N, C-alpha and C. Protein backbone atom coordinates (compact mmCIF):
# COMPACT_ATOMS: atom_id res chain seq x y z
N MET A 1 -24.15 -19.03 55.97
CA MET A 1 -22.96 -18.93 55.87
C MET A 1 -22.08 -18.99 57.15
N ASN A 2 -20.94 -19.44 57.40
CA ASN A 2 -20.05 -19.09 58.62
C ASN A 2 -19.39 -18.06 58.52
N ILE A 3 -18.69 -17.97 59.38
CA ILE A 3 -17.83 -16.64 59.65
C ILE A 3 -16.75 -16.34 58.76
N ARG A 4 -15.90 -17.47 58.44
CA ARG A 4 -14.80 -17.62 57.30
C ARG A 4 -15.25 -17.12 56.12
N GLU A 5 -16.70 -17.69 56.01
CA GLU A 5 -17.45 -17.45 54.64
C GLU A 5 -17.61 -15.91 54.29
N LEU A 6 -18.28 -15.52 55.53
CA LEU A 6 -18.56 -14.11 55.56
C LEU A 6 -17.24 -13.19 55.41
N GLN A 7 -16.31 -13.63 56.35
CA GLN A 7 -14.87 -12.30 56.00
C GLN A 7 -14.39 -12.74 54.43
N LYS A 8 -14.68 -13.76 53.93
CA LYS A 8 -14.05 -14.16 52.49
C LYS A 8 -14.84 -13.11 51.50
N LYS A 9 -16.13 -13.20 51.94
CA LYS A 9 -16.98 -12.46 51.08
C LYS A 9 -16.99 -10.97 51.01
N VAL A 10 -16.67 -10.30 52.43
CA VAL A 10 -16.53 -9.28 52.50
C VAL A 10 -15.15 -8.69 52.08
N ASP A 11 -14.53 -9.29 51.98
CA ASP A 11 -13.34 -9.23 51.44
C ASP A 11 -13.17 -9.02 49.94
N GLU A 12 -13.89 -9.85 49.10
CA GLU A 12 -13.97 -9.76 47.61
C GLU A 12 -14.73 -8.72 47.31
N PHE A 13 -15.98 -8.49 48.32
CA PHE A 13 -16.59 -7.54 47.69
C PHE A 13 -16.04 -5.98 48.00
N GLU A 14 -15.06 -5.75 49.30
CA GLU A 14 -14.36 -4.70 49.01
C GLU A 14 -13.55 -4.40 47.81
N LYS A 15 -12.51 -5.64 47.81
CA LYS A 15 -11.72 -5.43 46.45
C LYS A 15 -12.09 -4.99 45.32
N ALA A 16 -13.38 -5.78 44.85
CA ALA A 16 -13.84 -5.40 43.71
C ALA A 16 -14.37 -4.21 43.58
N ARG A 17 -14.29 -3.33 44.39
CA ARG A 17 -14.55 -1.53 44.55
C ARG A 17 -13.74 -0.80 44.78
N GLY A 18 -12.47 -1.61 45.02
CA GLY A 18 -11.27 -0.66 45.57
C GLY A 18 -11.41 -0.03 46.88
N TRP A 19 -12.21 -0.42 47.80
CA TRP A 19 -12.46 -0.19 48.93
C TRP A 19 -11.50 -0.18 49.91
N GLU A 20 -10.34 -1.01 49.41
CA GLU A 20 -9.22 -1.51 50.21
C GLU A 20 -8.57 -0.22 50.43
N ASN A 21 -8.73 0.83 50.00
CA ASN A 21 -7.88 2.25 50.03
C ASN A 21 -8.31 2.87 50.68
N PHE A 22 -9.61 2.67 51.43
CA PHE A 22 -10.03 3.15 52.53
C PHE A 22 -9.16 3.18 53.77
N ARG A 23 -8.80 4.16 54.66
CA ARG A 23 -8.30 3.82 55.73
C ARG A 23 -9.01 3.22 56.68
N GLU A 24 -8.49 2.27 57.68
CA GLU A 24 -8.95 1.74 58.70
C GLU A 24 -9.85 2.73 59.70
N SER A 25 -9.35 3.62 59.63
CA SER A 25 -9.81 5.17 60.68
C SER A 25 -11.34 5.36 60.21
N LEU A 26 -11.37 5.37 58.84
CA LEU A 26 -12.82 5.73 58.13
C LEU A 26 -13.99 4.73 58.28
N ILE A 27 -13.32 3.49 58.15
CA ILE A 27 -14.26 2.15 58.32
C ILE A 27 -14.65 2.22 59.91
N TYR A 28 -13.75 2.80 60.54
CA TYR A 28 -14.09 2.98 62.12
C TYR A 28 -15.40 3.69 62.21
N ALA A 29 -14.89 4.81 61.62
CA ALA A 29 -15.83 5.75 61.75
C ALA A 29 -17.30 5.78 61.17
N HIS A 30 -17.28 4.93 60.16
CA HIS A 30 -18.67 4.67 59.38
C HIS A 30 -19.48 3.39 60.38
N LEU A 31 -18.45 2.26 61.10
CA LEU A 31 -19.01 1.47 62.16
C LEU A 31 -19.86 1.74 62.91
N PHE A 32 -19.22 3.05 63.33
CA PHE A 32 -20.10 3.70 64.56
C PHE A 32 -21.21 4.27 64.31
N GLU A 33 -21.20 5.26 63.07
CA GLU A 33 -22.31 5.56 62.69
C GLU A 33 -23.76 5.03 62.80
N GLU A 34 -23.25 3.27 62.14
CA GLU A 34 -24.16 2.63 61.55
C GLU A 34 -24.41 2.11 63.43
N LEU A 35 -23.87 1.85 64.34
CA LEU A 35 -24.32 1.47 65.78
C LEU A 35 -24.91 2.73 66.52
N THR A 36 -24.62 3.99 65.84
CA THR A 36 -25.82 5.04 66.26
C THR A 36 -26.89 4.73 65.63
N GLU A 37 -27.00 4.68 64.68
CA GLU A 37 -28.75 4.36 63.87
C GLU A 37 -29.11 3.14 64.65
N ILE A 38 -28.37 1.94 65.02
CA ILE A 38 -29.21 0.93 65.68
C ILE A 38 -29.59 1.42 67.23
N GLY A 39 -28.62 2.64 67.70
CA GLY A 39 -29.03 3.00 69.29
C GLY A 39 -30.43 3.78 68.88
N ARG A 40 -30.58 4.67 67.90
CA ARG A 40 -31.51 5.10 67.78
C ARG A 40 -32.94 4.42 67.69
N PHE A 41 -32.97 3.06 67.31
CA PHE A 41 -34.07 2.14 67.06
C PHE A 41 -34.50 1.84 68.47
N ILE A 42 -33.20 1.42 69.22
CA ILE A 42 -33.46 1.08 70.62
C ILE A 42 -34.09 2.53 71.19
N LEU A 43 -33.55 3.52 71.38
CA LEU A 43 -34.45 4.58 72.19
C LEU A 43 -35.51 5.10 71.98
N GLU A 44 -35.78 4.72 70.60
CA GLU A 44 -37.45 4.89 70.07
C GLU A 44 -38.28 3.72 70.77
N LYS A 45 -37.67 2.78 70.57
CA LYS A 45 -38.64 1.11 70.93
C LYS A 45 -39.07 1.53 72.37
N GLU A 46 -37.63 1.31 73.02
CA GLU A 46 -38.25 2.20 74.56
C GLU A 46 -38.78 3.16 74.96
N GLY A 47 -38.85 4.02 74.13
CA GLY A 47 -39.94 5.62 74.37
C GLY A 47 -39.17 6.41 74.87
N TYR A 48 -37.68 6.74 74.91
CA TYR A 48 -37.04 7.61 75.06
C TYR A 48 -37.08 8.63 74.01
N LYS A 49 -37.10 8.30 72.97
CA LYS A 49 -37.02 9.04 71.71
C LYS A 49 -38.76 8.86 71.23
N ARG A 50 -39.18 9.78 70.97
CA ARG A 50 -40.51 9.76 70.62
C ARG A 50 -40.99 10.61 69.48
N ASN A 51 -41.40 10.20 68.30
CA ASN A 51 -41.74 11.09 66.79
C ASN A 51 -42.63 11.98 67.38
N ASP A 52 -43.38 11.66 68.03
CA ASP A 52 -44.70 12.52 68.37
C ASP A 52 -44.25 14.06 69.24
N LEU A 53 -43.25 13.63 69.86
CA LEU A 53 -42.65 14.81 70.48
C LEU A 53 -41.29 15.30 70.06
N GLY A 54 -41.02 15.49 68.82
CA GLY A 54 -40.19 16.30 67.90
C GLY A 54 -38.88 15.42 67.37
N HIS A 55 -39.06 14.11 67.88
CA HIS A 55 -37.56 13.49 67.62
C HIS A 55 -37.81 13.02 66.25
N SER A 56 -36.80 12.62 65.05
CA SER A 56 -36.72 12.11 64.06
C SER A 56 -36.81 10.51 64.31
N SER A 57 -37.38 9.74 63.11
CA SER A 57 -37.37 8.21 63.11
C SER A 57 -36.13 8.04 62.62
N PRO A 58 -35.73 6.87 63.09
CA PRO A 58 -34.49 5.97 62.40
C PRO A 58 -34.93 5.22 61.06
N GLY A 59 -36.16 5.15 60.83
CA GLY A 59 -36.43 4.53 59.69
C GLY A 59 -37.17 2.91 60.29
N GLU A 60 -37.29 1.98 59.58
CA GLU A 60 -37.95 0.81 59.74
C GLU A 60 -36.93 -0.29 59.44
N ASP A 61 -36.06 -0.20 59.10
CA ASP A 61 -34.85 -1.00 58.35
C ASP A 61 -33.77 -1.64 59.36
N ILE A 62 -34.38 -1.98 60.54
CA ILE A 62 -33.07 -2.13 61.53
C ILE A 62 -32.19 -3.73 60.98
N GLU A 63 -32.62 -4.27 60.11
CA GLU A 63 -32.07 -5.40 59.57
C GLU A 63 -31.00 -4.80 59.12
N SER A 64 -31.19 -3.81 58.12
CA SER A 64 -30.29 -3.59 57.16
C SER A 64 -28.91 -2.65 58.16
N GLU A 65 -29.44 -2.39 59.31
CA GLU A 65 -28.54 -1.48 59.89
C GLU A 65 -27.18 -2.37 61.02
N PHE A 66 -28.12 -3.36 61.29
CA PHE A 66 -27.16 -4.58 61.71
C PHE A 66 -26.45 -5.28 60.42
N ALA A 67 -26.57 -5.44 59.47
CA ALA A 67 -26.02 -5.74 58.67
C ALA A 67 -24.81 -4.98 58.08
N GLN A 68 -25.28 -3.75 57.97
CA GLN A 68 -24.34 -3.06 57.58
C GLN A 68 -23.11 -2.92 58.65
N ALA A 69 -23.64 -2.69 60.11
CA ALA A 69 -22.49 -2.61 61.16
C ALA A 69 -21.61 -3.87 61.19
N LEU A 70 -22.35 -5.37 61.00
CA LEU A 70 -21.50 -6.64 60.78
C LEU A 70 -20.52 -6.48 59.62
N THR A 71 -20.91 -5.73 58.62
CA THR A 71 -19.96 -5.69 57.39
C THR A 71 -19.06 -5.36 57.65
N LEU A 72 -19.09 -3.85 58.22
CA LEU A 72 -18.04 -2.75 58.53
C LEU A 72 -16.48 -3.46 59.47
N PHE A 73 -17.61 -4.24 60.51
CA PHE A 73 -16.72 -4.77 61.68
C PHE A 73 -16.16 -5.92 61.13
N VAL A 74 -16.41 -6.78 59.98
CA VAL A 74 -15.96 -7.77 59.53
C VAL A 74 -14.53 -7.14 58.36
N GLN A 75 -14.85 -6.04 57.95
CA GLN A 75 -13.70 -5.37 56.98
C GLN A 75 -12.91 -5.09 57.80
N LEU A 76 -13.14 -4.43 59.06
CA LEU A 76 -11.92 -4.33 59.88
C LEU A 76 -10.90 -5.12 60.28
N ALA A 77 -11.69 -6.30 60.70
CA ALA A 77 -11.48 -7.54 61.15
C ALA A 77 -10.22 -8.07 60.22
N ASN A 78 -10.51 -7.80 59.04
CA ASN A 78 -10.26 -8.36 57.64
C ASN A 78 -8.94 -7.48 57.55
N ARG A 79 -8.77 -6.35 57.76
CA ARG A 79 -7.79 -5.45 57.86
C ARG A 79 -6.42 -5.89 58.63
N PHE A 80 -7.14 -6.13 59.66
CA PHE A 80 -5.94 -6.37 60.80
C PHE A 80 -5.68 -8.16 60.68
N GLY A 81 -6.37 -8.65 60.17
CA GLY A 81 -5.86 -10.45 60.08
C GLY A 81 -6.44 -10.73 60.92
N VAL A 82 -7.36 -10.78 61.52
CA VAL A 82 -8.42 -11.39 62.59
C VAL A 82 -9.36 -12.36 61.96
N ASP A 83 -9.05 -13.78 62.32
CA ASP A 83 -10.10 -14.88 61.85
C ASP A 83 -10.75 -14.71 63.38
N LEU A 84 -12.12 -14.17 62.69
CA LEU A 84 -12.97 -14.37 63.57
C LEU A 84 -13.75 -15.45 64.22
N GLU A 85 -13.77 -16.58 63.17
CA GLU A 85 -14.01 -17.55 63.77
C GLU A 85 -13.45 -17.92 64.96
N LYS A 86 -12.34 -17.93 64.80
CA LYS A 86 -11.09 -18.66 65.69
C LYS A 86 -11.33 -17.88 66.76
N SER A 87 -11.13 -16.46 67.15
CA SER A 87 -11.18 -15.33 67.90
C SER A 87 -12.45 -15.53 68.72
N VAL A 88 -13.80 -15.81 68.07
CA VAL A 88 -14.49 -15.51 68.86
C VAL A 88 -15.04 -17.11 69.67
N ALA A 89 -14.58 -18.54 69.06
CA ALA A 89 -14.53 -19.21 69.53
C ALA A 89 -13.56 -19.42 71.08
N LYS A 90 -12.45 -18.75 70.78
CA LYS A 90 -11.42 -18.76 72.11
C LYS A 90 -12.10 -17.82 72.91
N GLU A 91 -12.43 -16.74 72.35
CA GLU A 91 -13.03 -15.71 73.64
C GLU A 91 -14.09 -16.47 74.49
N MET A 92 -15.20 -16.99 73.62
CA MET A 92 -16.05 -17.67 74.23
C MET A 92 -15.89 -19.01 75.26
N ASP A 93 -14.51 -19.55 74.95
CA ASP A 93 -14.20 -20.43 76.24
C ASP A 93 -13.87 -19.75 77.48
N LYS A 94 -13.02 -18.82 76.98
CA LYS A 94 -12.38 -18.15 78.11
C LYS A 94 -13.89 -17.32 79.06
N MET A 95 -14.52 -16.56 77.94
CA MET A 95 -16.00 -16.14 79.05
C MET A 95 -16.57 -17.42 80.06
N GLU A 96 -16.71 -18.25 79.04
CA GLU A 96 -17.68 -19.94 79.88
C GLU A 96 -16.66 -19.80 81.33
N LYS A 97 -15.55 -19.84 81.17
CA LYS A 97 -14.67 -20.05 82.42
C LYS A 97 -14.66 -18.93 83.59
N ARG A 98 -14.81 -17.65 83.33
CA ARG A 98 -14.71 -16.44 83.57
C ARG A 98 -16.09 -16.37 84.62
N PHE A 99 -17.64 -16.21 83.61
CA PHE A 99 -18.46 -15.68 84.29
C PHE A 99 -19.45 -17.12 84.32
N ASP A 100 -19.53 -17.37 85.55
CA ASP A 100 -20.23 -18.58 85.79
C ASP A 100 -21.63 -18.14 85.77
N PRO A 101 -22.33 -19.21 85.00
CA PRO A 101 -23.84 -19.00 84.88
C PRO A 101 -24.62 -19.01 86.17
N GLU A 102 -24.47 -19.90 86.83
CA GLU A 102 -25.35 -19.91 88.07
C GLU A 102 -25.11 -18.59 88.82
N ARG A 103 -23.90 -18.36 88.95
CA ARG A 103 -23.42 -17.10 90.12
C ARG A 103 -24.11 -15.92 89.06
N TRP A 104 -24.41 -15.84 88.31
CA TRP A 104 -25.17 -14.80 87.33
C TRP A 104 -26.75 -14.68 87.56
N ARG A 105 -27.17 -15.65 87.30
CA ARG A 105 -28.67 -15.78 87.42
C ARG A 105 -28.94 -15.65 88.78
N ARG A 106 -27.87 -16.04 90.08
CA ARG A 106 -28.19 -15.91 91.44
C ARG A 106 -27.96 -14.72 91.58
N SER A 107 -27.08 -13.56 91.22
CA SER A 107 -27.35 -12.35 91.06
C SER A 107 -28.20 -11.47 90.91
N PHE A 108 -28.53 -11.94 89.73
CA PHE A 108 -30.30 -11.29 89.10
C PHE A 108 -31.33 -11.48 90.34
N ARG A 109 -31.31 -12.68 90.75
CA ARG A 109 -32.41 -13.03 91.68
C ARG A 109 -32.35 -12.45 92.80
N ASP A 110 -31.06 -12.03 93.35
CA ASP A 110 -31.12 -11.19 94.52
C ASP A 110 -30.93 -10.15 94.50
N GLY A 111 -31.27 -9.43 93.09
CA GLY A 111 -31.51 -7.58 93.01
C GLY A 111 -30.03 -7.17 92.38
N GLY A 112 -29.13 -8.06 92.41
CA GLY A 112 -27.93 -7.37 91.86
C GLY A 112 -27.61 -7.13 90.17
N GLY A 113 -29.00 -7.33 89.50
CA GLY A 113 -28.79 -7.21 88.10
C GLY A 113 -29.35 -5.87 87.58
N PRO A 114 -29.92 -5.73 86.43
CA PRO A 114 -30.26 -4.52 85.93
C PRO A 114 -31.42 -4.41 86.16
């Protein structure tokens, strides 16, 4: 499925359930809730949050969390009339010109990276 197809499918799904009545601010808040759950997976994976030391586990289904976050993101894009496929292609073109790959690789090799 390409991005345009995804946007159409999410739009149809949302409208079939009457969800177009939800305000954008609620979708935005829900998106952050899902991103926070992804963040919990990352913190647990990297050992910062540990179940054996009193933290709760975010569960096992990180794929579902990414899918939920993407769907909510697409809902917001649809609400604002953003053609994500076109916008991403345009932004990637700008980023290709702005962020020279060799300069970035050299920066990491020279100790300027993470």
